[in-house]
Amino acid sequence: MEQVTFKLEGQSAYSQSGFLVAKKLDRETADKYEARIWKTRMHATEPHVIASDGTVSVSGMIVIPAMALKQALDAAAKYRSMSIPGQGKKTYTKCFTSGVLCSDGIVTDVEAATVKGEWINANSDGIRGSGKRVRRCYPLIPSGWKAEATVMILDEIIVHDVFIEHLKLAGQLIGVGRFRPQNGGFNGRFKPSGFQWEEIKM
């Protein structure tokens, strides 16, 4: 089993769409609600705070959820469908699904309090082309963000070159967050570098 630590640099903006937990205030319009609570869509090292008057404040650093990177790697393995040498038509897809572990959130160099919101016309039910459009506001972290991530490789069949190739593909064609390339968007692309490997004994 190995542990690999590497750096990530955002090649495009990164947008988050966490689950909203704030309730509407009495007689609050949809637009005013969005303007007040969009910050709760962010993932940060510190929990957001909702004051008694409904005002939302955020602090700490922006965090990329561990499962966002894990799912990007899994999607890259499925997309690439690289055959395992000496094993016929068997690919690395299942090896990444069960043999790669991202357990910790990835802390970026971006302060949550500095993030601006991006207003878009979104589908009311979240399904593209479904009909009614509504205004939504999402946090948008500018391109150039940086972070350091650590991944556990449990399946020894995933050698260094194979992991790096799939991670690079994940950064270019899959991405993380809202409106990423995997979903036809352009946010959340990243470039990995500075790989450091460490053998972990059980």
Protein backbone atom coordinates (compact mmCIF):
# COMPACT_ATOMS: atom_id res chain seq x y z
CA MET A 1 0.00 0.00 0.00
CA GLU A 2 1.26 3.47 -0.86
CA GLN A 3 0.44 7.03 0.03
CA VAL A 4 0.99 9.77 -2.53
CA THR A 5 0.97 13.49 -1.79
CA PHE A 6 0.83 16.03 -4.59
CA LYS A 7 0.00 19.63 -5.39
CA LEU A 8 -3.01 20.85 -7.36
CA GLU A 9 -3.32 24.12 -9.22
CA GLY A 10 -6.63 25.31 -10.64
CA GLN A 11 -6.54 25.72 -14.42
CA SER A 12 -10.03 27.21 -14.39
CA ALA A 13 -12.43 28.64 -11.83
CA TYR A 14 -13.87 26.25 -9.23
CA SER A 15 -17.50 26.46 -8.13
CA GLN A 16 -19.18 24.64 -5.25
CA SER A 17 -22.82 23.66 -4.79
CA GLY A 18 -23.16 22.29 -1.29
CA PHE A 19 -26.58 21.47 0.20
CA LEU A 20 -28.45 24.53 1.47
CA VAL A 21 -29.36 24.43 5.14
CA ALA A 22 -30.82 27.91 5.71
CA LYS A 23 -34.57 28.38 5.75
CA LYS A 24 -36.42 31.24 4.09
CA LEU A 25 -37.30 34.20 6.22
CA ASP A 26 -40.88 35.40 6.49
CA ARG A 27 -41.99 36.99 3.17
CA GLU A 28 -38.48 36.60 1.71
CA THR A 29 -38.42 36.49 -2.10
CA ALA A 30 -36.50 33.80 -3.97
CA ASP A 31 -33.85 36.26 -5.18
CA LYS A 32 -33.32 37.76 -1.73
CA TYR A 33 -33.06 34.25 -0.27
CA GLU A 34 -30.35 33.32 -2.81
CA ALA A 35 -28.47 36.58 -2.18
CA ARG A 36 -28.51 35.91 1.56
CA ILE A 37 -27.64 32.21 1.75
CA TRP A 38 -25.45 31.38 -1.28
CA LYS A 39 -22.37 31.33 0.95
CA THR A 40 -23.70 28.21 2.69
CA ARG A 41 -22.99 26.34 -0.56
CA MET A 42 -19.27 26.60 0.21
CA HIS A 43 -17.17 23.89 1.86
CA ALA A 44 -14.68 25.44 4.28
CA THR A 45 -12.45 24.52 7.22
CA GLU A 46 -14.78 26.45 9.51
CA PRO A 47 -18.59 26.01 9.58
CA HIS A 48 -20.66 28.89 8.28
CA VAL A 49 -22.60 30.90 10.85
CA ILE A 50 -26.20 32.06 10.48
CA ALA A 51 -27.00 34.98 12.82
CA SER A 52 -30.37 35.49 14.46
CA ASP A 53 -31.32 37.99 11.74
CA GLY A 54 -30.53 35.43 9.04
CA THR A 55 -27.19 36.95 7.97
CA VAL A 56 -24.68 34.34 6.80
CA SER A 57 -20.95 34.64 7.49
CA VAL A 58 -18.13 32.31 6.44
CA SER A 59 -14.51 31.91 7.54
CA GLY A 60 -11.62 29.52 7.18
CA MET A 61 -10.21 28.17 3.94
CA ILE A 62 -12.09 26.66 1.00
CA VAL A 63 -12.00 22.85 1.02
CA ILE A 64 -12.44 20.48 -1.91
CA PRO A 65 -14.39 17.50 -0.53
CA ALA A 66 -12.37 14.28 -0.56
CA MET A 67 -15.08 12.49 -2.55
CA ALA A 68 -14.89 15.10 -5.30
CA LEU A 69 -11.32 14.06 -6.11
CA LYS A 70 -12.12 10.37 -5.60
CA GLN A 71 -15.05 10.53 -8.00
CA ALA A 72 -12.95 12.44 -10.54
CA LEU A 73 -10.34 9.66 -10.47
CA ASP A 74 -13.00 6.96 -10.81
CA ALA A 75 -14.59 8.80 -13.74
CA ALA A 76 -11.19 9.22 -15.40
CA ALA A 77 -10.52 5.48 -15.07
CA LYS A 78 -13.89 4.70 -16.65
CA TYR A 79 -13.31 7.27 -19.40
CA ARG A 80 -9.79 6.02 -20.18
CA SER A 81 -10.61 2.27 -19.90
CA MET A 82 -6.90 1.47 -19.93
CA SER A 83 -6.17 -2.25 -20.22
CA ILE A 84 -4.09 -3.90 -17.49
CA PRO A 85 -0.94 -5.42 -19.02
CA GLY A 86 -1.09 -9.19 -19.12
CA GLN A 87 -4.76 -9.38 -18.11
CA GLY A 88 -6.49 -9.42 -21.47
CA LYS A 89 -9.36 -6.95 -21.75
CA LYS A 90 -9.49 -6.21 -18.02
CA THR A 91 -9.14 -2.49 -17.31
CA TYR A 92 -8.12 -0.36 -14.34
CA THR A 93 -11.66 0.95 -13.83
CA LYS A 94 -12.59 -1.33 -10.92
CA CYS A 95 -9.06 -1.04 -9.51
CA PHE A 96 -9.55 2.71 -9.04
CA THR A 97 -13.08 2.30 -7.71
CA SER A 98 -12.07 -0.03 -4.89
CA GLY A 99 -8.31 0.48 -4.67
CA VAL A 100 -7.96 4.25 -4.25
CA LEU A 101 -8.91 6.10 -1.07
CA CYS A 102 -9.25 9.86 -0.55
CA SER A 103 -10.17 10.29 3.10
CA ASP A 104 -9.35 13.91 3.90
CA GLY A 105 -10.77 17.13 2.53
CA ILE A 106 -8.32 19.07 0.36
CA VAL A 107 -7.62 22.48 1.86
CA THR A 108 -6.99 25.22 -0.70
CA ASP A 109 -5.16 28.52 -0.35
CA VAL A 110 -8.41 30.47 -0.81
CA GLU A 111 -10.07 32.23 2.13
CA ALA A 112 -13.81 31.56 2.15
CA ALA A 113 -14.58 35.14 3.15
CA THR A 114 -13.01 36.45 -0.09
CA VAL A 115 -15.10 34.30 -2.47
CA LYS A 116 -17.63 36.09 -4.67
CA GLY A 117 -20.93 34.72 -5.90
CA GLU A 118 -21.87 33.98 -9.52
CA TRP A 119 -25.50 34.43 -10.57
CA ILE A 120 -26.81 32.05 -13.24
CA ASN A 121 -30.13 31.07 -14.78
CA ALA A 122 -30.53 27.46 -13.66
CA ASN A 123 -33.13 24.78 -14.24
CA SER A 124 -35.51 24.80 -11.29
CA ASP A 125 -35.30 21.01 -10.86
CA GLY A 126 -31.58 20.73 -11.67
CA ILE A 127 -32.20 18.79 -14.89
CA ARG A 128 -30.78 20.33 -18.05
CA GLY A 129 -33.43 21.27 -20.60
CA SER A 130 -36.34 20.43 -18.30
CA GLY A 131 -38.12 23.76 -18.66
CA LYS A 132 -38.55 26.47 -16.03
CA ARG A 133 -35.49 28.57 -15.22
CA VAL A 134 -34.71 30.29 -11.92
CA ARG A 135 -31.90 32.54 -10.70
CA ARG A 136 -29.30 30.88 -8.50
CA CYS A 137 -26.08 32.14 -6.94
CA TYR A 138 -23.03 29.89 -6.48
CA PRO A 139 -19.60 30.57 -5.00
CA LEU A 140 -16.92 30.96 -7.68
CA ILE A 141 -13.23 30.53 -6.78
CA PRO A 142 -11.04 32.15 -9.48
CA SER A 143 -8.56 30.16 -11.56
CA GLY A 144 -5.11 29.75 -9.99
CA TRP A 145 -6.26 28.25 -6.68
CA LYS A 146 -3.73 25.89 -5.08
CA ALA A 147 -3.98 22.92 -2.73
CA GLU A 148 -2.16 19.83 -1.53
CA ALA A 149 -3.86 16.43 -1.60
CA THR A 150 -3.03 13.00 -0.19
CA VAL A 151 -4.35 9.77 -1.68
CA MET A 152 -3.97 6.18 -0.50
CA ILE A 153 -3.39 3.56 -3.20
CA LEU A 154 -4.54 0.23 -1.79
CA ASP A 155 -4.31 -1.82 -5.00
CA GLU A 156 -0.67 -2.43 -5.90
CA ILE A 157 -1.61 -3.01 -9.54
CA ILE A 158 -2.00 0.79 -9.81
CA VAL A 159 1.64 1.72 -10.37
CA HIS A 160 2.98 5.29 -10.25
CA ASP A 161 2.76 6.07 -13.97
CA VAL A 162 -0.78 4.71 -14.21
CA PHE A 163 -1.98 6.77 -11.24
CA ILE A 164 -0.38 9.96 -12.55
CA GLU A 165 -1.85 9.48 -16.03
CA HIS A 166 -5.35 9.03 -14.62
CA LEU A 167 -4.99 11.99 -12.24
CA LYS A 168 -3.87 14.24 -15.10
CA LEU A 169 -6.83 13.05 -17.16
CA ALA A 170 -9.15 13.75 -14.21
CA GLY A 171 -7.81 17.30 -14.06
CA GLN A 172 -8.18 17.94 -17.79
CA LEU A 173 -11.42 16.20 -18.75
CA ILE A 174 -13.36 15.44 -15.55
CA GLY A 175 -12.74 18.23 -13.05
CA VAL A 176 -14.31 18.92 -9.66
CA GLY A 177 -17.30 20.94 -8.50
CA ARG A 178 -20.23 22.56 -10.27
CA PHE A 179 -20.24 22.91 -14.06
CA ARG A 180 -17.14 20.74 -14.50
CA PRO A 181 -16.02 19.27 -17.87
CA GLN A 182 -17.53 15.88 -17.02
CA ASN A 183 -20.95 17.56 -17.11
CA GLY A 184 -20.29 19.67 -20.18
CA GLY A 185 -18.92 22.69 -18.31
CA PHE A 186 -15.54 24.34 -17.93
CA ASN A 187 -15.05 24.90 -14.20
CA GLY A 188 -12.96 22.79 -11.83
CA ARG A 189 -10.05 21.82 -14.09
CA PHE A 190 -6.73 21.32 -12.31
CA LYS A 191 -3.09 20.39 -12.92
CA PRO A 192 -1.25 18.03 -10.53
CA SER A 193 2.49 18.22 -9.79
CA GLY A 194 5.16 17.46 -7.18
CA PHE A 195 4.35 13.82 -6.47
CA GLN A 196 5.81 12.33 -3.27
CA TRP A 197 5.38 8.61 -2.63
CA GLU A 198 5.55 6.77 0.68
CA GLU A 199 5.12 3.07 1.33
CA ILE A 200 2.68 2.31 4.15
CA LYS A 201 2.98 -0.93 6.04
CA MET A 202 -0.13 -2.45 7.54
